[in-house]
N, C-alpha and C. Protein backbone atom coordinates (compact mmCIF):
# COMPACT_ATOMS: atom_id res chain seq x y z
N MET A 1 147.41 129.21 -2.19
CA MET A 1 148.78 129.58 -1.79
C MET A 1 149.47 130.30 -2.94
N THR A 2 150.16 131.34 -2.64
CA THR A 2 150.86 132.12 -3.65
C THR A 2 152.25 132.43 -3.18
N LEU A 3 153.12 132.70 -4.13
CA LEU A 3 154.51 133.07 -3.81
C LEU A 3 154.65 134.55 -4.03
N ARG A 4 155.09 135.26 -2.99
CA ARG A 4 155.23 136.71 -3.11
C ARG A 4 156.68 137.10 -2.90
N SER A 5 157.09 138.18 -3.53
CA SER A 5 158.44 138.70 -3.33
C SER A 5 158.33 140.14 -2.90
N SER A 6 159.35 140.60 -2.10
CA SER A 6 159.33 141.97 -1.62
C SER A 6 159.67 142.97 -2.71
N THR A 7 160.06 142.50 -3.89
CA THR A 7 160.34 143.40 -5.00
C THR A 7 159.61 142.87 -6.20
N SER A 8 159.77 143.57 -7.33
CA SER A 8 159.09 143.16 -8.55
C SER A 8 159.89 142.13 -9.33
N VAL A 9 161.01 141.65 -8.78
CA VAL A 9 161.81 140.65 -9.47
C VAL A 9 161.03 139.36 -9.54
N ARG A 10 161.48 138.43 -10.35
CA ARG A 10 160.74 137.20 -10.55
C ARG A 10 160.67 136.40 -9.28
N ARG A 11 159.61 135.62 -9.16
CA ARG A 11 159.37 134.88 -7.93
C ARG A 11 160.40 133.78 -7.71
N LEU A 12 160.76 133.59 -6.45
CA LEU A 12 161.73 132.57 -6.09
C LEU A 12 161.07 131.56 -5.17
N ALA A 13 161.58 130.31 -5.17
CA ALA A 13 161.05 129.29 -4.27
C ALA A 13 161.65 129.47 -2.90
N LEU A 14 160.86 129.27 -1.83
CA LEU A 14 161.37 129.40 -0.46
C LEU A 14 161.98 128.08 -0.03
N ALA A 15 163.25 128.08 0.38
CA ALA A 15 163.90 126.88 0.89
C ALA A 15 163.24 126.47 2.18
N PRO A 16 163.24 125.18 2.51
CA PRO A 16 162.58 124.71 3.72
C PRO A 16 163.12 125.37 4.97
N LEU A 17 164.34 125.88 4.94
CA LEU A 17 164.94 126.45 6.14
C LEU A 17 164.67 127.93 6.33
N LEU A 18 164.08 128.63 5.34
CA LEU A 18 163.93 130.08 5.42
C LEU A 18 162.98 130.47 6.53
N VAL A 19 163.47 131.30 7.46
CA VAL A 19 162.66 131.67 8.61
C VAL A 19 161.88 132.93 8.32
N LEU A 20 160.57 132.78 8.20
CA LEU A 20 159.66 133.91 8.10
C LEU A 20 158.59 133.64 9.12
N ALA A 21 157.41 134.27 8.96
CA ALA A 21 156.33 133.98 9.88
C ALA A 21 155.88 132.54 9.69
N VAL A 22 156.06 132.02 8.47
CA VAL A 22 155.64 130.66 8.19
C VAL A 22 156.78 129.68 8.35
N ALA A 23 157.99 130.01 7.78
CA ALA A 23 159.15 129.14 7.88
C ALA A 23 160.41 129.95 7.70
N VAL A 24 161.52 129.54 8.37
CA VAL A 24 162.78 130.27 8.27
C VAL A 24 163.93 129.30 8.30
N VAL A 25 165.05 129.70 7.70
CA VAL A 25 166.23 128.86 7.71
C VAL A 25 166.81 128.89 9.10
N GLY A 26 166.77 127.79 9.85
CA GLY A 26 167.40 127.64 11.15
C GLY A 26 167.27 128.84 12.04
N CYS A 27 166.07 129.18 12.51
CA CYS A 27 165.77 130.41 13.23
C CYS A 27 166.84 130.79 14.23
N SER A 28 167.39 131.99 14.05
CA SER A 28 168.41 132.49 14.96
C SER A 28 168.14 133.95 15.20
N SER A 29 167.83 134.31 16.46
CA SER A 29 167.50 135.69 16.77
C SER A 29 168.68 136.47 17.30
N SER A 30 169.81 135.78 17.46
CA SER A 30 170.97 136.51 17.96
C SER A 30 172.23 136.01 17.31
N LYS A 31 173.16 136.87 17.13
CA LYS A 31 174.44 136.53 16.51
C LYS A 31 175.46 137.54 16.96
N ASP A 32 176.60 137.06 17.42
CA ASP A 32 177.66 137.99 17.83
C ASP A 32 178.08 138.80 16.64
N GLU A 33 178.12 140.11 16.80
CA GLU A 33 178.54 140.98 15.71
C GLU A 33 179.99 141.34 15.92
N ALA A 34 180.86 140.70 15.12
CA ALA A 34 182.28 140.95 15.30
C ALA A 34 182.67 142.21 14.55
N SER A 35 182.93 143.25 15.30
CA SER A 35 183.38 144.49 14.69
C SER A 35 184.67 144.88 15.37
N THR A 36 185.79 144.77 14.65
CA THR A 36 187.10 144.98 15.27
C THR A 36 187.80 146.16 14.63
N THR A 37 188.83 146.64 15.28
CA THR A 37 189.57 147.80 14.77
C THR A 37 191.05 147.53 14.80
N THR A 38 191.79 148.39 14.12
CA THR A 38 193.25 148.27 14.09
C THR A 38 193.83 149.40 14.91
N THR A 39 194.66 149.09 15.90
CA THR A 39 195.25 150.11 16.76
C THR A 39 196.75 150.10 16.65
N ALA A 40 197.34 151.29 16.65
CA ALA A 40 198.80 151.41 16.55
C ALA A 40 199.35 151.94 17.85
N LYS A 41 200.37 151.31 18.38
CA LYS A 41 201.02 151.75 19.61
C LYS A 41 202.32 152.47 19.22
N ALA A 42 202.26 153.79 19.21
CA ALA A 42 203.40 154.58 18.76
C ALA A 42 204.61 154.39 19.65
N ALA A 43 204.40 154.23 20.96
CA ALA A 43 205.52 154.16 21.91
C ALA A 43 206.39 152.95 21.63
N THR A 44 205.80 151.87 21.22
CA THR A 44 206.57 150.65 20.99
C THR A 44 206.74 150.35 19.52
N SER A 45 206.10 151.20 18.64
CA SER A 45 206.16 151.02 17.19
C SER A 45 205.63 149.67 16.77
N THR A 46 204.68 149.13 17.54
CA THR A 46 204.07 147.87 17.16
C THR A 46 202.63 148.13 16.79
N THR A 47 202.10 147.30 15.92
CA THR A 47 200.73 147.46 15.44
C THR A 47 199.96 146.17 15.60
N THR A 48 198.78 146.28 16.20
CA THR A 48 197.92 145.11 16.35
C THR A 48 196.80 145.20 15.34
N THR A 49 196.72 144.23 14.46
CA THR A 49 195.72 144.26 13.40
C THR A 49 194.67 143.20 13.64
N SER A 50 193.41 143.57 13.61
CA SER A 50 192.32 142.63 13.80
C SER A 50 191.64 142.39 12.47
N SER A 51 190.45 141.79 12.53
CA SER A 51 189.76 141.43 11.31
C SER A 51 189.23 142.65 10.59
N VAL A 52 188.71 142.44 9.36
CA VAL A 52 188.25 143.53 8.53
C VAL A 52 187.09 144.25 9.19
N SER A 53 187.08 145.56 9.14
CA SER A 53 186.00 146.35 9.71
C SER A 53 184.70 146.04 9.00
N THR A 54 183.58 146.13 9.73
CA THR A 54 182.30 145.81 9.13
C THR A 54 181.88 146.82 8.08
N THR A 55 182.62 147.90 7.92
CA THR A 55 182.26 148.88 6.91
C THR A 55 183.05 148.69 5.63
N GLU A 56 183.94 147.71 5.60
CA GLU A 56 184.74 147.46 4.42
C GLU A 56 184.39 146.11 3.82
N ALA A 57 184.24 146.06 2.51
CA ALA A 57 183.88 144.82 1.83
C ALA A 57 185.13 144.12 1.32
N PRO A 58 185.34 142.84 1.73
CA PRO A 58 186.47 142.08 1.22
C PRO A 58 186.40 141.96 -0.30
N ALA A 59 187.52 141.69 -0.93
CA ALA A 59 187.55 141.63 -2.38
C ALA A 59 186.78 140.43 -2.92
N THR A 60 186.71 139.36 -2.15
CA THR A 60 186.01 138.17 -2.60
C THR A 60 185.09 137.68 -1.49
N THR A 61 184.32 136.62 -1.80
CA THR A 61 183.43 136.07 -0.78
C THR A 61 184.13 135.05 0.09
N ALA A 62 185.42 134.83 -0.10
CA ALA A 62 186.17 133.90 0.74
C ALA A 62 186.73 134.66 1.94
N ALA A 63 186.22 134.34 3.13
CA ALA A 63 186.66 135.04 4.33
C ALA A 63 188.00 134.49 4.81
N ALA A 64 188.68 135.28 5.65
CA ALA A 64 190.00 134.90 6.15
C ALA A 64 189.93 133.63 6.98
N ASP A 65 188.79 133.40 7.66
CA ASP A 65 188.67 132.21 8.49
C ASP A 65 188.20 130.98 7.71
N GLY A 66 188.11 131.11 6.40
CA GLY A 66 187.71 129.99 5.57
C GLY A 66 186.22 129.84 5.40
N VAL A 67 185.44 130.67 6.07
CA VAL A 67 183.98 130.62 5.94
C VAL A 67 183.56 131.62 4.87
N PRO A 68 183.00 131.16 3.75
CA PRO A 68 182.62 132.09 2.69
C PRO A 68 181.54 133.05 3.15
N ALA A 69 181.59 134.27 2.66
CA ALA A 69 180.60 135.29 2.99
C ALA A 69 179.65 135.47 1.81
N LEU A 70 178.43 135.84 2.12
CA LEU A 70 177.43 136.06 1.08
C LEU A 70 177.70 137.38 0.39
N GLY A 71 177.79 137.34 -0.93
CA GLY A 71 177.97 138.55 -1.71
C GLY A 71 176.83 138.69 -2.70
N PRO A 72 176.77 139.77 -3.44
CA PRO A 72 175.71 139.94 -4.43
C PRO A 72 175.67 138.77 -5.41
N ASN A 73 174.61 137.98 -5.32
CA ASN A 73 174.38 136.85 -6.23
C ASN A 73 175.41 135.73 -6.13
N GLU A 74 176.09 135.62 -5.00
CA GLU A 74 177.03 134.51 -4.86
C GLU A 74 177.41 134.26 -3.41
N LEU A 75 177.91 133.07 -3.18
CA LEU A 75 178.46 132.70 -1.88
C LEU A 75 179.49 131.61 -2.16
N GLY A 76 180.75 131.92 -1.89
CA GLY A 76 181.80 130.95 -2.20
C GLY A 76 181.80 130.61 -3.69
N LYS A 77 181.70 129.33 -3.99
CA LYS A 77 181.68 128.87 -5.38
C LYS A 77 180.28 128.89 -5.98
N ILE A 78 179.29 129.15 -5.15
CA ILE A 78 177.90 129.12 -5.60
C ILE A 78 177.50 130.48 -6.17
N LYS A 79 176.88 130.48 -7.35
CA LYS A 79 176.48 131.72 -7.99
C LYS A 79 175.06 131.61 -8.54
N VAL A 80 174.31 132.69 -8.38
CA VAL A 80 172.98 132.74 -8.99
C VAL A 80 173.14 132.64 -10.49
N GLY A 81 172.33 131.79 -11.13
CA GLY A 81 172.43 131.59 -12.57
C GLY A 81 173.11 130.28 -12.94
N GLN A 82 173.76 129.63 -11.97
CA GLN A 82 174.37 128.33 -12.24
C GLN A 82 173.30 127.28 -12.52
N THR A 83 173.67 126.29 -13.32
CA THR A 83 172.77 125.16 -13.52
C THR A 83 172.89 124.24 -12.30
N GLN A 84 171.96 123.33 -12.16
CA GLN A 84 172.02 122.40 -11.04
C GLN A 84 173.30 121.59 -11.10
N GLU A 85 173.71 121.21 -12.29
CA GLU A 85 174.95 120.44 -12.45
C GLU A 85 176.15 121.24 -11.97
N GLU A 86 176.18 122.53 -12.32
CA GLU A 86 177.29 123.38 -11.88
C GLU A 86 177.25 123.58 -10.37
N LEU A 87 176.06 123.70 -9.81
CA LEU A 87 175.91 123.85 -8.36
C LEU A 87 176.43 122.61 -7.65
N GLU A 88 176.03 121.45 -8.09
CA GLU A 88 176.45 120.21 -7.45
C GLU A 88 177.96 120.02 -7.56
N ALA A 89 178.56 120.53 -8.64
CA ALA A 89 180.00 120.41 -8.83
C ALA A 89 180.78 121.24 -7.83
N THR A 90 180.15 122.24 -7.19
CA THR A 90 180.86 123.06 -6.20
C THR A 90 181.15 122.27 -4.94
N GLY A 91 180.34 121.26 -4.64
CA GLY A 91 180.52 120.48 -3.43
C GLY A 91 180.19 121.26 -2.17
N GLN A 92 179.38 122.33 -2.31
CA GLN A 92 179.09 123.19 -1.17
C GLN A 92 177.63 123.15 -0.72
N THR A 93 176.88 122.16 -1.21
CA THR A 93 175.49 122.01 -0.77
C THR A 93 175.17 120.54 -0.56
N GLY A 94 174.05 120.30 0.11
CA GLY A 94 173.54 118.95 0.22
C GLY A 94 172.78 118.61 -1.05
N PRO A 95 172.05 117.50 -1.04
CA PRO A 95 171.29 117.10 -2.23
C PRO A 95 170.20 118.12 -2.57
N VAL A 96 169.93 118.25 -3.85
CA VAL A 96 168.85 119.13 -4.30
C VAL A 96 167.53 118.38 -4.14
N GLY A 97 166.55 119.03 -3.53
CA GLY A 97 165.26 118.40 -3.31
C GLY A 97 164.14 119.36 -3.63
N PRO A 98 162.90 118.97 -3.36
CA PRO A 98 161.75 119.83 -3.64
C PRO A 98 161.83 121.15 -2.89
N GLY A 99 161.38 122.23 -3.52
CA GLY A 99 161.34 123.53 -2.89
C GLY A 99 159.94 123.86 -2.44
N CYS A 100 159.58 125.11 -2.51
CA CYS A 100 158.24 125.55 -2.10
C CYS A 100 157.20 125.02 -3.07
N GLU A 101 156.19 124.33 -2.56
CA GLU A 101 155.16 123.76 -3.42
C GLU A 101 154.40 124.83 -4.18
N ALA A 102 154.21 125.98 -3.54
CA ALA A 102 153.46 127.06 -4.18
C ALA A 102 154.17 127.64 -5.39
N ALA A 103 155.49 127.40 -5.47
CA ALA A 103 156.27 127.93 -6.59
C ALA A 103 156.17 127.06 -7.83
N GLY A 104 155.51 125.92 -7.70
CA GLY A 104 155.35 125.05 -8.85
C GLY A 104 156.27 123.85 -8.82
N PRO A 105 156.08 122.93 -9.74
CA PRO A 105 156.84 121.68 -9.76
C PRO A 105 158.33 121.83 -10.06
N ASN A 106 158.73 122.99 -10.58
CA ASN A 106 160.14 123.18 -10.93
C ASN A 106 160.96 123.83 -9.81
N ALA A 107 160.29 124.14 -8.70
CA ALA A 107 160.99 124.78 -7.59
C ALA A 107 161.74 123.74 -6.76
N GLU A 108 163.03 123.99 -6.54
CA GLU A 108 163.86 123.07 -5.76
C GLU A 108 164.76 123.87 -4.81
N ALA A 109 165.37 123.16 -3.87
CA ALA A 109 166.27 123.81 -2.91
C ALA A 109 167.30 122.82 -2.41
N ALA A 110 168.42 123.34 -1.92
CA ALA A 110 169.48 122.51 -1.35
C ALA A 110 170.10 123.25 -0.17
N ASP A 111 170.33 122.53 0.92
CA ASP A 111 170.95 123.14 2.10
C ASP A 111 172.42 123.45 1.83
N LEU A 112 172.90 124.55 2.40
CA LEU A 112 174.32 124.87 2.31
C LEU A 112 175.09 123.88 3.18
N LYS A 113 176.12 123.28 2.66
CA LYS A 113 176.99 122.38 3.40
C LYS A 113 178.41 122.60 2.91
N VAL A 114 178.98 123.74 3.31
CA VAL A 114 180.32 124.10 2.86
C VAL A 114 181.36 123.38 3.71
N PRO A 115 182.23 122.58 3.11
CA PRO A 115 183.26 121.86 3.86
C PRO A 115 184.08 122.79 4.74
N GLY A 116 184.35 122.35 5.97
CA GLY A 116 185.17 123.14 6.88
C GLY A 116 184.39 124.17 7.68
N THR A 117 183.07 124.23 7.50
CA THR A 117 182.26 125.16 8.27
C THR A 117 181.31 124.40 9.19
N THR A 118 180.91 125.05 10.27
CA THR A 118 179.96 124.47 11.20
C THR A 118 178.64 125.23 11.11
N PRO A 119 177.53 124.63 11.57
CA PRO A 119 176.22 125.29 11.48
C PRO A 119 176.16 126.66 12.14
N ASP A 120 176.95 126.87 13.20
CA ASP A 120 176.92 128.18 13.85
C ASP A 120 177.74 129.21 13.08
N GLN A 121 178.53 128.76 12.10
CA GLN A 121 179.29 129.68 11.26
C GLN A 121 178.53 130.02 9.98
N LEU A 122 177.86 129.02 9.41
CA LEU A 122 177.17 129.21 8.14
C LEU A 122 176.02 128.23 8.01
N THR A 123 174.82 128.76 7.89
CA THR A 123 173.62 127.95 7.68
C THR A 123 172.76 128.64 6.64
N GLY A 124 172.16 127.87 5.76
CA GLY A 124 171.31 128.49 4.75
C GLY A 124 170.89 127.51 3.68
N ALA A 125 170.43 128.04 2.58
CA ALA A 125 169.94 127.19 1.49
C ALA A 125 170.10 127.90 0.16
N VAL A 126 170.16 127.09 -0.89
CA VAL A 126 170.22 127.59 -2.26
C VAL A 126 168.89 127.26 -2.92
N LEU A 127 168.31 128.22 -3.60
CA LEU A 127 167.03 128.03 -4.27
C LEU A 127 167.24 127.84 -5.77
N LEU A 128 166.48 126.95 -6.35
CA LEU A 128 166.58 126.70 -7.79
C LEU A 128 165.20 126.79 -8.43
N ASP A 129 165.17 127.24 -9.66
CA ASP A 129 163.94 127.30 -10.45
C ASP A 129 164.27 126.75 -11.83
N GLU A 130 163.59 125.68 -12.19
CA GLU A 130 163.85 125.01 -13.47
C GLU A 130 165.32 124.66 -13.61
N ASP A 131 165.88 124.08 -12.53
CA ASP A 131 167.26 123.58 -12.51
C ASP A 131 168.32 124.67 -12.63
N VAL A 132 167.96 125.90 -12.29
CA VAL A 132 168.91 127.01 -12.31
C VAL A 132 168.86 127.72 -10.95
N VAL A 133 170.02 128.03 -10.39
CA VAL A 133 170.08 128.71 -9.10
C VAL A 133 169.43 130.09 -9.22
N SER A 134 168.41 130.34 -8.38
CA SER A 134 167.68 131.61 -8.45
C SER A 134 167.90 132.48 -7.22
N GLY A 135 168.48 131.91 -6.16
CA GLY A 135 168.72 132.70 -4.96
C GLY A 135 169.50 131.94 -3.91
N ILE A 136 170.07 132.67 -2.97
CA ILE A 136 170.82 132.09 -1.86
C ILE A 136 170.38 132.79 -0.58
N THR A 137 170.13 132.02 0.47
CA THR A 137 169.69 132.59 1.75
C THR A 137 170.56 132.04 2.88
N ILE A 138 170.94 132.91 3.81
CA ILE A 138 171.66 132.45 5.00
C ILE A 138 170.90 132.87 6.25
N SER A 139 170.95 132.01 7.28
CA SER A 139 170.38 132.36 8.58
C SER A 139 171.46 132.36 9.66
N GLU A 140 172.66 131.98 9.26
CA GLU A 140 173.88 132.15 10.07
C GLU A 140 174.98 132.51 9.10
N GLY A 141 175.82 133.45 9.46
CA GLY A 141 176.90 133.86 8.58
C GLY A 141 176.95 135.36 8.42
N ARG A 142 177.57 135.82 7.35
CA ARG A 142 177.72 137.25 7.13
C ARG A 142 177.83 137.55 5.64
N THR A 143 177.74 138.82 5.32
CA THR A 143 177.92 139.26 3.93
C THR A 143 179.34 139.78 3.76
N VAL A 144 179.74 140.00 2.53
CA VAL A 144 181.08 140.52 2.27
C VAL A 144 181.24 141.94 2.81
N GLU A 145 180.12 142.62 3.03
CA GLU A 145 180.18 143.97 3.58
C GLU A 145 180.33 143.96 5.10
N GLY A 146 180.24 142.78 5.71
CA GLY A 146 180.37 142.68 7.15
C GLY A 146 179.06 142.61 7.90
N LEU A 147 177.94 142.54 7.20
CA LEU A 147 176.64 142.43 7.84
C LEU A 147 176.45 141.02 8.39
N THR A 148 176.08 140.90 9.66
CA THR A 148 175.91 139.61 10.29
C THR A 148 174.47 139.39 10.74
N ILE A 149 174.11 138.13 10.87
CA ILE A 149 172.81 137.77 11.40
C ILE A 149 172.74 138.27 12.85
N GLY A 150 171.59 138.86 13.23
CA GLY A 150 171.44 139.38 14.58
C GLY A 150 171.64 140.87 14.66
N THR A 151 172.12 141.48 13.56
CA THR A 151 172.28 142.93 13.52
C THR A 151 170.91 143.59 13.51
N LYS A 152 170.77 144.72 14.20
CA LYS A 152 169.52 145.47 14.16
C LYS A 152 169.28 145.97 12.74
N ILE A 153 168.04 145.95 12.30
CA ILE A 153 167.72 146.32 10.92
C ILE A 153 168.16 147.74 10.59
N ASP A 154 168.07 148.67 11.55
CA ASP A 154 168.50 150.05 11.28
C ASP A 154 170.01 150.12 11.05
N ASP A 155 170.78 149.35 11.84
CA ASP A 155 172.23 149.31 11.67
C ASP A 155 172.59 148.63 10.35
N ALA A 156 171.84 147.59 10.00
CA ALA A 156 172.07 146.89 8.74
C ALA A 156 171.84 147.82 7.56
N THR A 157 170.80 148.63 7.67
CA THR A 157 170.48 149.58 6.61
C THR A 157 171.60 150.60 6.44
N LYS A 158 172.10 151.14 7.54
CA LYS A 158 173.19 152.11 7.48
C LYS A 158 174.43 151.50 6.83
N LEU A 159 174.74 150.26 7.21
CA LEU A 159 175.93 149.60 6.68
C LEU A 159 175.81 149.40 5.17
N LEU A 160 174.66 148.89 4.71
CA LEU A 160 174.49 148.61 3.29
C LEU A 160 174.37 149.89 2.46
N GLU A 161 173.74 150.91 3.02
CA GLU A 161 173.67 152.18 2.29
C GLU A 161 175.07 152.80 2.17
N ALA A 162 175.89 152.64 3.21
CA ALA A 162 177.26 153.15 3.16
C ALA A 162 178.07 152.40 2.11
N ALA A 163 177.67 151.15 1.83
CA ALA A 163 178.36 150.33 0.82
C ALA A 163 177.83 150.61 -0.59
N GLY A 164 176.88 151.53 -0.71
CA GLY A 164 176.41 151.92 -2.04
C GLY A 164 175.10 151.31 -2.48
N TYR A 165 174.39 150.65 -1.56
CA TYR A 165 173.11 150.04 -1.92
C TYR A 165 171.95 150.96 -1.54
N THR A 166 170.83 150.78 -2.21
CA THR A 166 169.65 151.61 -1.98
C THR A 166 168.53 150.80 -1.35
N LEU A 167 167.97 151.31 -0.26
CA LEU A 167 166.84 150.65 0.39
C LEU A 167 165.57 151.00 -0.37
N GLU A 168 164.87 149.97 -0.84
CA GLU A 168 163.63 150.20 -1.58
C GLU A 168 162.48 150.48 -0.62
N PRO A 169 161.46 151.21 -1.06
CA PRO A 169 160.30 151.49 -0.21
C PRO A 169 159.64 150.21 0.28
N ASP A 170 159.18 150.19 1.51
CA ASP A 170 158.50 149.04 2.09
C ASP A 170 157.18 148.81 1.38
N ASP A 171 156.98 147.62 0.84
CA ASP A 171 155.73 147.33 0.12
C ASP A 171 154.68 146.67 1.02
N GLY A 172 155.00 146.53 2.31
CA GLY A 172 154.03 145.98 3.24
C GLY A 172 153.98 144.47 3.30
N THR A 173 154.82 143.79 2.51
CA THR A 173 154.80 142.33 2.49
C THR A 173 155.11 141.75 3.86
N GLY A 174 156.08 142.34 4.55
CA GLY A 174 156.47 141.82 5.85
C GLY A 174 155.35 141.84 6.86
N ASP A 175 154.48 142.85 6.78
CA ASP A 175 153.36 142.95 7.72
C ASP A 175 152.45 141.73 7.65
N MET A 176 152.37 141.14 6.48
CA MET A 176 151.51 139.97 6.30
C MET A 176 152.02 138.77 7.08
N PHE A 177 153.32 138.77 7.35
CA PHE A 177 153.94 137.63 8.02
C PHE A 177 154.47 137.97 9.41
N GLY A 178 154.22 139.19 9.86
CA GLY A 178 154.67 139.58 11.19
C GLY A 178 156.16 139.75 11.29
N VAL A 179 156.82 140.14 10.19
CA VAL A 179 158.26 140.37 10.18
C VAL A 179 158.55 141.69 9.48
N VAL A 180 159.81 142.08 9.50
CA VAL A 180 160.25 143.26 8.76
C VAL A 180 161.06 142.78 7.56
N ILE A 181 160.73 143.27 6.39
CA ILE A 181 161.47 142.91 5.19
C ILE A 181 162.08 144.16 4.58
N ALA A 182 163.37 144.10 4.28
CA ALA A 182 164.07 145.23 3.66
C ALA A 182 164.77 144.75 2.40
N GLN A 183 164.47 145.38 1.28
CA GLN A 183 165.08 145.01 0.01
C GLN A 183 166.05 146.10 -0.44
N PHE A 184 167.26 145.69 -0.79
CA PHE A 184 168.29 146.63 -1.23
C PHE A 184 168.64 146.37 -2.69
N THR A 185 168.86 147.45 -3.42
CA THR A 185 169.20 147.35 -4.83
C THR A 185 170.48 148.14 -5.12
N LYS A 186 171.02 147.91 -6.30
CA LYS A 186 172.16 148.70 -6.78
C LYS A 186 171.98 148.85 -8.28
N GLY A 187 171.95 150.08 -8.75
CA GLY A 187 171.71 150.31 -10.16
C GLY A 187 170.34 149.82 -10.59
N GLY A 188 169.40 149.79 -9.65
CA GLY A 188 168.06 149.36 -9.97
C GLY A 188 167.84 147.85 -9.92
N GLU A 189 168.91 147.10 -9.68
CA GLU A 189 168.81 145.65 -9.64
C GLU A 189 168.82 145.15 -8.19
N PRO A 190 167.99 144.16 -7.85
CA PRO A 190 167.97 143.62 -6.48
C PRO A 190 169.30 142.97 -6.12
N VAL A 191 169.76 143.23 -4.90
CA VAL A 191 171.04 142.69 -4.46
C VAL A 191 170.88 141.86 -3.18
N TYR A 192 170.26 142.46 -2.15
CA TYR A 192 170.05 141.76 -0.88
C TYR A 192 168.62 141.95 -0.39
N GLY A 193 168.08 140.91 0.21
CA GLY A 193 166.80 141.00 0.88
C GLY A 193 167.00 140.56 2.32
N LEU A 194 166.55 141.38 3.27
CA LEU A 194 166.73 141.06 4.69
C LEU A 194 165.38 140.80 5.35
N VAL A 195 165.36 139.83 6.26
CA VAL A 195 164.18 139.58 7.08
C VAL A 195 164.59 139.79 8.53
N ALA A 196 163.82 140.57 9.27
CA ALA A 196 164.11 140.85 10.67
C ALA A 196 162.88 140.57 11.53
N GLU A 197 163.11 140.27 12.80
CA GLU A 197 162.00 140.03 13.72
C GLU A 197 161.22 141.33 13.92
N LYS A 198 159.92 141.20 14.06
CA LYS A 198 159.04 142.36 14.17
C LYS A 198 159.36 143.22 15.38
N PHE A 199 159.60 142.60 16.54
CA PHE A 199 159.77 143.37 17.76
C PHE A 199 161.23 143.68 18.10
N SER A 200 162.12 142.68 17.97
CA SER A 200 163.52 142.92 18.29
C SER A 200 164.23 143.69 17.19
N LYS A 201 163.67 143.63 15.97
CA LYS A 201 164.26 144.28 14.80
C LYS A 201 165.61 143.68 14.41
N LYS A 202 165.91 142.48 14.91
CA LYS A 202 167.17 141.82 14.57
C LYS A 202 167.03 141.00 13.29
N VAL A 203 168.03 141.10 12.43
CA VAL A 203 168.03 140.37 11.16
C VAL A 203 168.14 138.87 11.42
N THR A 204 167.22 138.10 10.84
CA THR A 204 167.24 136.64 11.02
C THR A 204 167.65 135.90 9.75
N SER A 205 167.55 136.55 8.61
CA SER A 205 168.03 135.93 7.38
C SER A 205 168.40 137.00 6.36
N ILE A 206 169.37 136.65 5.52
CA ILE A 206 169.83 137.54 4.47
C ILE A 206 169.82 136.74 3.17
N SER A 207 169.21 137.30 2.14
CA SER A 207 169.10 136.59 0.87
C SER A 207 169.68 137.44 -0.27
N THR A 208 170.11 136.77 -1.30
CA THR A 208 170.49 137.44 -2.54
C THR A 208 169.85 136.67 -3.69
N PRO A 209 169.20 137.34 -4.64
CA PRO A 209 169.09 138.79 -4.76
C PRO A 209 167.92 139.39 -3.97
N SER A 210 166.95 138.58 -3.55
CA SER A 210 165.81 139.12 -2.81
C SER A 210 165.20 138.05 -1.93
N VAL A 211 164.32 138.48 -1.04
CA VAL A 211 163.64 137.55 -0.11
C VAL A 211 162.54 136.81 -0.88
N ALA A 212 162.47 135.50 -0.67
CA ALA A 212 161.42 134.70 -1.27
C ALA A 212 160.47 134.24 -0.18
N ILE A 213 159.20 134.47 -0.39
CA ILE A 213 158.21 134.12 0.61
C ILE A 213 157.24 133.08 0.06
N CYS A 214 157.07 132.03 0.81
CA CYS A 214 156.14 130.98 0.40
C CYS A 214 154.93 131.00 1.31
N GLU A 215 153.79 131.33 0.75
CA GLU A 215 152.54 131.41 1.52
C GLU A 215 151.83 130.07 1.49
């Protein structure tokens, strides 16, 4: 058994919930994509304002509805690079437990359990390597750019490229697991890794900074 990544970044442990051909975080093949607009009624001089457009990135990962959104290397109070002690102090995960066995004895993971959120709003896991947060994965929720689970991979690519990210060449890793994997970078550094179903092309999980696969 080996641990593979869709990019050349260091290997990450796969959380028990990550949905791939082998395992995924709370498999979800569909998700309502909330894309709203702001309309002005000139005749009455009134304006109806809806939520942020999916093409605009909020200033922080804290959403208006109280559900934190996944951003580059962070989600809410959780940040890649935190120690396990700092992670536990956020109060936004369950207990830290064993991660992917193939990643070695230092691989650990913890389920996301953000107070005030429900599983259909936010589901995922935090990955740790040697007691340091190495990645965050969601299988329900959204990114700060407005990308949601269930979005078609082509639409997700357009959205993230419009936000300034670069889609890296497909290295064929997804073919090994019967899924589509898309890795996005910014300034040469990994930012988001997406996993989509092979046939529907719908995104089933979003990770930062990259997708971790446990074989």
